[in-house]
Amino acid sequence: MTMSIELLRHGDTGQRSYRGQLDDALSELGWTQLREAVEGREWDIIVSSTLQRCAAFARELALARGLPLRLDVRLAEYHFGRWQGVPIERIAEEQGDALGRFWADPVAHPPPGAETFDAFRDRLSAALDDVAAEAVDQRILVITHGGAIRLLRCLVEKRSYGDMAGIDVPHASLHPLPWHASATA
């Protein structure tokens, strides 16, 4: 069975680097972006990453609309290893070749000390499989991160992970995702 899930990327945090699993708060702009993104839209269940840039808004939205909310650590962003929190411009300046290889083929050339793409894919897929099993015939909003949305879209759209850098996922953007439990097959 295929579930229709909407993915929502968190809003702006004011940070300009690979944030990964750093626990940044939303900026005022980020709060505004998210509130505008969900205006006039309806869901039955909200599931969110536990990182505060997702979870804080998820709590606000669930409370305001009287919706069930579940936080899931598996929906966290990709762990960028030693690049996490480092400005991308600095990485480009100091490790430009490595950065280019990562963008071209993140599976074969991950950042130093980073999470493997197999682990990233497996935990995101398991989280969505659980959502789909729990929420049959319900409208589901999953609040997560840019890298997570890009990876999930690559899975569903049968695209190479090398396409991730070219998938536009602005802050507070919504992405419908037809999820089938065998999407990782």
C-alpha atoms as a PDB file:
ATOM      1  CA  MET A   1       0.000   0.000   0.000  1.00  0.00           C
ATOM      2  CA  THR A   2       1.253   3.467  -0.882  1.00  0.00           C
ATOM      3  CA  MET A   3       0.797   6.280   1.630  1.00  0.00           C
ATOM      4  CA  SER A   4       0.741   9.944   0.733  1.00  0.00           C
ATOM      5  CA  ILE A   5       2.976  11.750   3.158  1.00  0.00           C
ATOM      6  CA  GLU A   6       3.867  15.428   3.048  1.00  0.00           C
ATOM      7  CA  LEU A   7       7.388  16.332   4.073  1.00  0.00           C
ATOM      8  CA  LEU A   8       8.030  19.814   5.463  1.00  0.00           C
ATOM      9  CA  ARG A   9      11.531  21.166   5.804  1.00  0.00           C
ATOM     10  CA  HIS A  10      12.190  23.202   8.914  1.00  0.00           C
ATOM     11  CA  GLY A  11      12.467  26.980   8.618  1.00  0.00           C
ATOM     12  CA  ASP A  12      15.544  29.181   8.618  1.00  0.00           C
ATOM     13  CA  THR A  13      17.931  28.995  11.583  1.00  0.00           C
ATOM     14  CA  GLY A  14      20.229  31.826  10.555  1.00  0.00           C
ATOM     15  CA  GLN A  15      23.113  29.346  10.218  1.00  0.00           C
ATOM     16  CA  ARG A  16      25.073  28.913   6.989  1.00  0.00           C
ATOM     17  CA  SER A  17      26.878  25.593   7.091  1.00  0.00           C
ATOM     18  CA  TYR A  18      26.186  21.895   7.097  1.00  0.00           C
ATOM     19  CA  ARG A  19      24.271  21.874  10.392  1.00  0.00           C
ATOM     20  CA  GLY A  20      23.546  18.160  10.360  1.00  0.00           C
ATOM     21  CA  GLN A  21      22.637  17.010  13.847  1.00  0.00           C
ATOM     22  CA  LEU A  22      23.574  20.249  15.616  1.00  0.00           C
ATOM     23  CA  ASP A  23      20.481  21.319  17.545  1.00  0.00           C
ATOM     24  CA  ASP A  24      19.838  24.845  16.237  1.00  0.00           C
ATOM     25  CA  ALA A  25      16.775  26.877  17.129  1.00  0.00           C
ATOM     26  CA  LEU A  26      14.616  28.499  14.473  1.00  0.00           C
ATOM     27  CA  SER A  27      15.171  32.173  13.744  1.00  0.00           C
ATOM     28  CA  GLU A  28      12.166  34.526  13.764  1.00  0.00           C
ATOM     29  CA  LEU A  29      12.223  34.260   9.977  1.00  0.00           C
ATOM     30  CA  GLY A  30      12.105  30.459  10.305  1.00  0.00           C
ATOM     31  CA  TRP A  31       9.010  30.609  12.514  1.00  0.00           C
ATOM     32  CA  THR A  32       7.307  32.953  10.041  1.00  0.00           C
ATOM     33  CA  GLN A  33       8.221  30.734   7.071  1.00  0.00           C
ATOM     34  CA  LEU A  34       6.745  27.647   8.730  1.00  0.00           C
ATOM     35  CA  ARG A  35       3.543  29.332   9.868  1.00  0.00           C
ATOM     36  CA  GLU A  36       2.973  30.619   6.335  1.00  0.00           C
ATOM     37  CA  ALA A  37       3.780  27.224   4.773  1.00  0.00           C
ATOM     38  CA  VAL A  38       1.041  25.395   6.701  1.00  0.00           C
ATOM     39  CA  GLU A  39      -1.643  28.061   6.425  1.00  0.00           C
ATOM     40  CA  GLY A  40      -4.823  26.605   4.937  1.00  0.00           C
ATOM     41  CA  ARG A  41      -3.423  23.063   4.856  1.00  0.00           C
ATOM     42  CA  GLU A  42      -4.739  20.114   6.872  1.00  0.00           C
ATOM     43  CA  TRP A  43      -3.285  16.916   8.268  1.00  0.00           C
ATOM     44  CA  ASP A  44      -4.431  14.246  10.718  1.00  0.00           C
ATOM     45  CA  ILE A  45      -1.067  13.386  12.292  1.00  0.00           C
ATOM     46  CA  ILE A  46       2.273  15.135  12.703  1.00  0.00           C
ATOM     47  CA  VAL A  47       5.565  13.275  13.013  1.00  0.00           C
ATOM     48  CA  SER A  48       8.760  15.252  13.508  1.00  0.00           C
ATOM     49  CA  SER A  49      12.495  15.059  13.903  1.00  0.00           C
ATOM     50  CA  THR A  50      13.529  15.544  17.524  1.00  0.00           C
ATOM     51  CA  LEU A  51      15.922  18.386  16.644  1.00  0.00           C
ATOM     52  CA  GLN A  52      14.442  21.636  17.918  1.00  0.00           C
ATOM     53  CA  ARG A  53      14.369  23.381  14.513  1.00  0.00           C
ATOM     54  CA  CYS A  54      11.672  20.823  13.615  1.00  0.00           C
ATOM     55  CA  ALA A  55      10.218  19.743  16.958  1.00  0.00           C
ATOM     56  CA  ALA A  56       9.471  23.207  18.374  1.00  0.00           C
ATOM     57  CA  PHE A  57       7.259  24.094  15.424  1.00  0.00           C
ATOM     58  CA  ALA A  58       5.726  20.609  15.367  1.00  0.00           C
ATOM     59  CA  ARG A  59       4.669  21.040  19.002  1.00  0.00           C
ATOM     60  CA  GLU A  60       3.173  24.461  18.292  1.00  0.00           C
ATOM     61  CA  LEU A  61       1.242  23.214  15.243  1.00  0.00           C
ATOM     62  CA  ALA A  62      -0.025  20.056  16.961  1.00  0.00           C
ATOM     63  CA  LEU A  63      -1.212  22.027  19.986  1.00  0.00           C
ATOM     64  CA  ALA A  64      -2.885  24.743  17.893  1.00  0.00           C
ATOM     65  CA  ARG A  65      -4.764  22.187  15.773  1.00  0.00           C
ATOM     66  CA  GLY A  66      -5.362  19.482  18.383  1.00  0.00           C
ATOM     67  CA  LEU A  67      -3.419  16.893  16.377  1.00  0.00           C
ATOM     68  CA  PRO A  68      -1.457  13.898  17.606  1.00  0.00           C
ATOM     69  CA  LEU A  69       2.311  14.421  17.487  1.00  0.00           C
ATOM     70  CA  ARG A  70       5.088  11.881  17.569  1.00  0.00           C
ATOM     71  CA  LEU A  71       8.764  12.814  17.682  1.00  0.00           C
ATOM     72  CA  ASP A  72      11.146  10.391  15.998  1.00  0.00           C
ATOM     73  CA  VAL A  73      14.923  10.632  16.377  1.00  0.00           C
ATOM     74  CA  ARG A  74      15.338   8.684  13.120  1.00  0.00           C
ATOM     75  CA  LEU A  75      14.092  11.724  11.172  1.00  0.00           C
ATOM     76  CA  ALA A  76      17.189  13.745  12.168  1.00  0.00           C
ATOM     77  CA  GLU A  77      19.389  15.260   9.500  1.00  0.00           C
ATOM     78  CA  TYR A  78      22.422  13.503   8.030  1.00  0.00           C
ATOM     79  CA  HIS A  79      25.455  13.601  10.310  1.00  0.00           C
ATOM     80  CA  PHE A  80      28.139  15.448   8.336  1.00  0.00           C
ATOM     81  CA  GLY A  81      31.034  14.252  10.497  1.00  0.00           C
ATOM     82  CA  ARG A  82      33.892  16.756  10.711  1.00  0.00           C
ATOM     83  CA  TRP A  83      32.152  19.103   8.262  1.00  0.00           C
ATOM     84  CA  GLN A  84      29.217  19.574  10.603  1.00  0.00           C
ATOM     85  CA  GLY A  85      28.992  23.241  11.616  1.00  0.00           C
ATOM     86  CA  VAL A  86      31.844  24.312   9.344  1.00  0.00           C
ATOM     87  CA  PRO A  87      30.931  27.075   6.849  1.00  0.00           C
ATOM     88  CA  ILE A  88      30.623  25.599   3.365  1.00  0.00           C
ATOM     89  CA  GLU A  89      32.858  28.365   1.993  1.00  0.00           C
ATOM     90  CA  ARG A  90      35.634  27.220   4.317  1.00  0.00           C
ATOM     91  CA  ILE A  91      35.180  23.590   3.295  1.00  0.00           C
ATOM     92  CA  ALA A  92      35.287  24.663  -0.372  1.00  0.00           C
ATOM     93  CA  GLU A  93      38.456  26.663   0.236  1.00  0.00           C
ATOM     94  CA  GLU A  94      40.279  24.040   2.309  1.00  0.00           C
ATOM     95  CA  GLN A  95      38.827  20.784   0.905  1.00  0.00           C
ATOM     96  CA  GLY A  96      37.325  21.784  -2.439  1.00  0.00           C
ATOM     97  CA  ASP A  97      38.144  18.504  -4.182  1.00  0.00           C
ATOM     98  CA  ALA A  98      36.584  16.468  -1.370  1.00  0.00           C
ATOM     99  CA  LEU A  99      33.484  18.682  -1.387  1.00  0.00           C
ATOM    100  CA  GLY A 100      33.101  18.254  -5.148  1.00  0.00           C
ATOM    101  CA  ARG A 101      33.424  14.491  -4.852  1.00  0.00           C
ATOM    102  CA  PHE A 102      30.819  14.465  -2.067  1.00  0.00           C
ATOM    103  CA  TRP A 103      28.326  16.442  -4.183  1.00  0.00           C
ATOM    104  CA  ALA A 104      28.924  14.165  -7.174  1.00  0.00           C
ATOM    105  CA  ASP A 105      28.739  10.864  -5.274  1.00  0.00           C
ATOM    106  CA  PRO A 106      27.914  11.175  -1.555  1.00  0.00           C
ATOM    107  CA  VAL A 107      27.829   7.396  -1.118  1.00  0.00           C
ATOM    108  CA  ALA A 108      31.398   6.828  -2.293  1.00  0.00           C
ATOM    109  CA  HIS A 109      32.812  10.112  -0.950  1.00  0.00           C
ATOM    110  CA  PRO A 110      31.143  11.074   2.347  1.00  0.00           C
ATOM    111  CA  PRO A 111      32.582  13.832   4.540  1.00  0.00           C
ATOM    112  CA  PRO A 112      35.312  12.676   6.939  1.00  0.00           C
ATOM    113  CA  GLY A 113      33.752  10.926   9.939  1.00  0.00           C
ATOM    114  CA  ALA A 114      30.223  11.202   8.504  1.00  0.00           C
ATOM    115  CA  GLU A 115      27.295   8.838   8.798  1.00  0.00           C
ATOM    116  CA  THR A 116      27.170   6.294   5.979  1.00  0.00           C
ATOM    117  CA  PHE A 117      24.462   6.787   3.393  1.00  0.00           C
ATOM    118  CA  ASP A 118      23.265   3.235   3.998  1.00  0.00           C
ATOM    119  CA  ALA A 119      22.676   4.090   7.673  1.00  0.00           C
ATOM    120  CA  PHE A 120      20.995   7.396   6.751  1.00  0.00           C
ATOM    121  CA  ARG A 121      18.720   5.696   4.203  1.00  0.00           C
ATOM    122  CA  ASP A 122      17.889   2.814   6.531  1.00  0.00           C
ATOM    123  CA  ARG A 123      16.885   4.979   9.499  1.00  0.00           C
ATOM    124  CA  LEU A 124      14.777   7.357   7.375  1.00  0.00           C
ATOM    125  CA  SER A 125      13.088   4.463   5.579  1.00  0.00           C
ATOM    126  CA  ALA A 126      12.339   2.685   8.856  1.00  0.00           C
ATOM    127  CA  ALA A 127      10.815   5.874  10.275  1.00  0.00           C
ATOM    128  CA  LEU A 128       8.539   6.332   7.257  1.00  0.00           C
ATOM    129  CA  ASP A 129       7.612   2.646   7.218  1.00  0.00           C
ATOM    130  CA  ASP A 130       6.461   3.034  10.831  1.00  0.00           C
ATOM    131  CA  VAL A 131       4.493   6.192   9.976  1.00  0.00           C
ATOM    132  CA  ALA A 132       2.785   4.411   7.088  1.00  0.00           C
ATOM    133  CA  ALA A 133       1.917   1.404   9.259  1.00  0.00           C
ATOM    134  CA  GLU A 134       0.446   3.582  12.020  1.00  0.00           C
ATOM    135  CA  ALA A 135      -1.471   6.056   9.902  1.00  0.00           C
ATOM    136  CA  VAL A 136      -3.377   4.142   7.234  1.00  0.00           C
ATOM    137  CA  ASP A 137      -5.761   6.421   5.299  1.00  0.00           C
ATOM    138  CA  GLN A 138      -4.689   9.527   7.207  1.00  0.00           C
ATOM    139  CA  ARG A 139      -3.033  12.732   6.062  1.00  0.00           C
ATOM    140  CA  ILE A 140       0.453  12.780   7.505  1.00  0.00           C
ATOM    141  CA  LEU A 141       2.845  15.702   7.912  1.00  0.00           C
ATOM    142  CA  VAL A 142       6.475  14.788   8.547  1.00  0.00           C
ATOM    143  CA  ILE A 143       8.666  17.691   9.636  1.00  0.00           C
ATOM    144  CA  THR A 144      12.301  17.004   8.876  1.00  0.00           C
ATOM    145  CA  HIS A 145      15.456  18.326   7.204  1.00  0.00           C
ATOM    146  CA  GLY A 146      16.734  19.221   3.748  1.00  0.00           C
ATOM    147  CA  GLY A 147      19.131  16.291   3.407  1.00  0.00           C
ATOM    148  CA  ALA A 148      16.477  13.855   4.623  1.00  0.00           C
ATOM    149  CA  ILE A 149      13.954  15.158   2.095  1.00  0.00           C
ATOM    150  CA  ARG A 150      16.504  14.968  -0.723  1.00  0.00           C
ATOM    151  CA  LEU A 151      17.433  11.377   0.139  1.00  0.00           C
ATOM    152  CA  LEU A 152      13.795  10.279   0.447  1.00  0.00           C
ATOM    153  CA  ARG A 153      12.939  11.905  -2.870  1.00  0.00           C
ATOM    154  CA  CYS A 154      15.871  10.110  -4.515  1.00  0.00           C
ATOM    155  CA  LEU A 155      14.558   6.803  -3.161  1.00  0.00           C
ATOM    156  CA  VAL A 156      10.976   7.333  -4.287  1.00  0.00           C
ATOM    157  CA  GLU A 157      11.921   8.896  -7.635  1.00  0.00           C
ATOM    158  CA  LYS A 158      14.564   6.183  -8.247  1.00  0.00           C
ATOM    159  CA  ARG A 159      17.303   8.805  -8.644  1.00  0.00           C
ATOM    160  CA  SER A 160      20.991   8.527  -7.879  1.00  0.00           C
ATOM    161  CA  TYR A 161      22.138  10.056  -4.590  1.00  0.00           C
ATOM    162  CA  GLY A 162      24.434  12.156  -6.784  1.00  0.00           C
ATOM    163  CA  ASP A 163      21.250  14.037  -7.783  1.00  0.00           C
ATOM    164  CA  MET A 164      20.665  15.189  -4.199  1.00  0.00           C
ATOM    165  CA  ALA A 165      22.602  18.445  -4.610  1.00  0.00           C
ATOM    166  CA  GLY A 166      20.335  19.407  -7.512  1.00  0.00           C
ATOM    167  CA  ILE A 167      17.035  18.894  -5.664  1.00  0.00           C
ATOM    168  CA  ASP A 168      15.720  22.257  -4.479  1.00  0.00           C
ATOM    169  CA  VAL A 169      14.468  22.065  -0.888  1.00  0.00           C
ATOM    170  CA  PRO A 170      14.097  25.622   0.455  1.00  0.00           C
ATOM    171  CA  HIS A 171      13.360  26.300   4.101  1.00  0.00           C
ATOM    172  CA  ALA A 172       9.703  25.610   5.009  1.00  0.00           C
ATOM    173  CA  SER A 173       8.984  23.909   1.672  1.00  0.00           C
ATOM    174  CA  LEU A 174       6.421  21.113   1.375  1.00  0.00           C
ATOM    175  CA  HIS A 175       7.129  17.949  -0.601  1.00  0.00           C
ATOM    176  CA  PRO A 176       4.406  15.340  -1.269  1.00  0.00           C
ATOM    177  CA  LEU A 177       5.908  11.871  -1.061  1.00  0.00           C
ATOM    178  CA  PRO A 178       4.068   8.725  -2.168  1.00  0.00           C
ATOM    179  CA  TRP A 179       5.635   6.263   0.270  1.00  0.00           C
ATOM    180  CA  HIS A 180       5.568   2.531  -0.136  1.00  0.00           C
ATOM    181  CA  ALA A 181       7.251   0.356   2.495  1.00  0.00           C
ATOM    182  CA  SER A 182       9.380  -1.248  -0.212  1.00  0.00           C
ATOM    183  CA  ALA A 183      10.776   2.126  -1.411  1.00  0.00           C
ATOM    184  CA  THR A 184      14.254   1.040  -0.338  1.00  0.00           C
ATOM    185  CA  ALA A 185      14.152  -2.137  -2.418  1.00  0.00           C
END
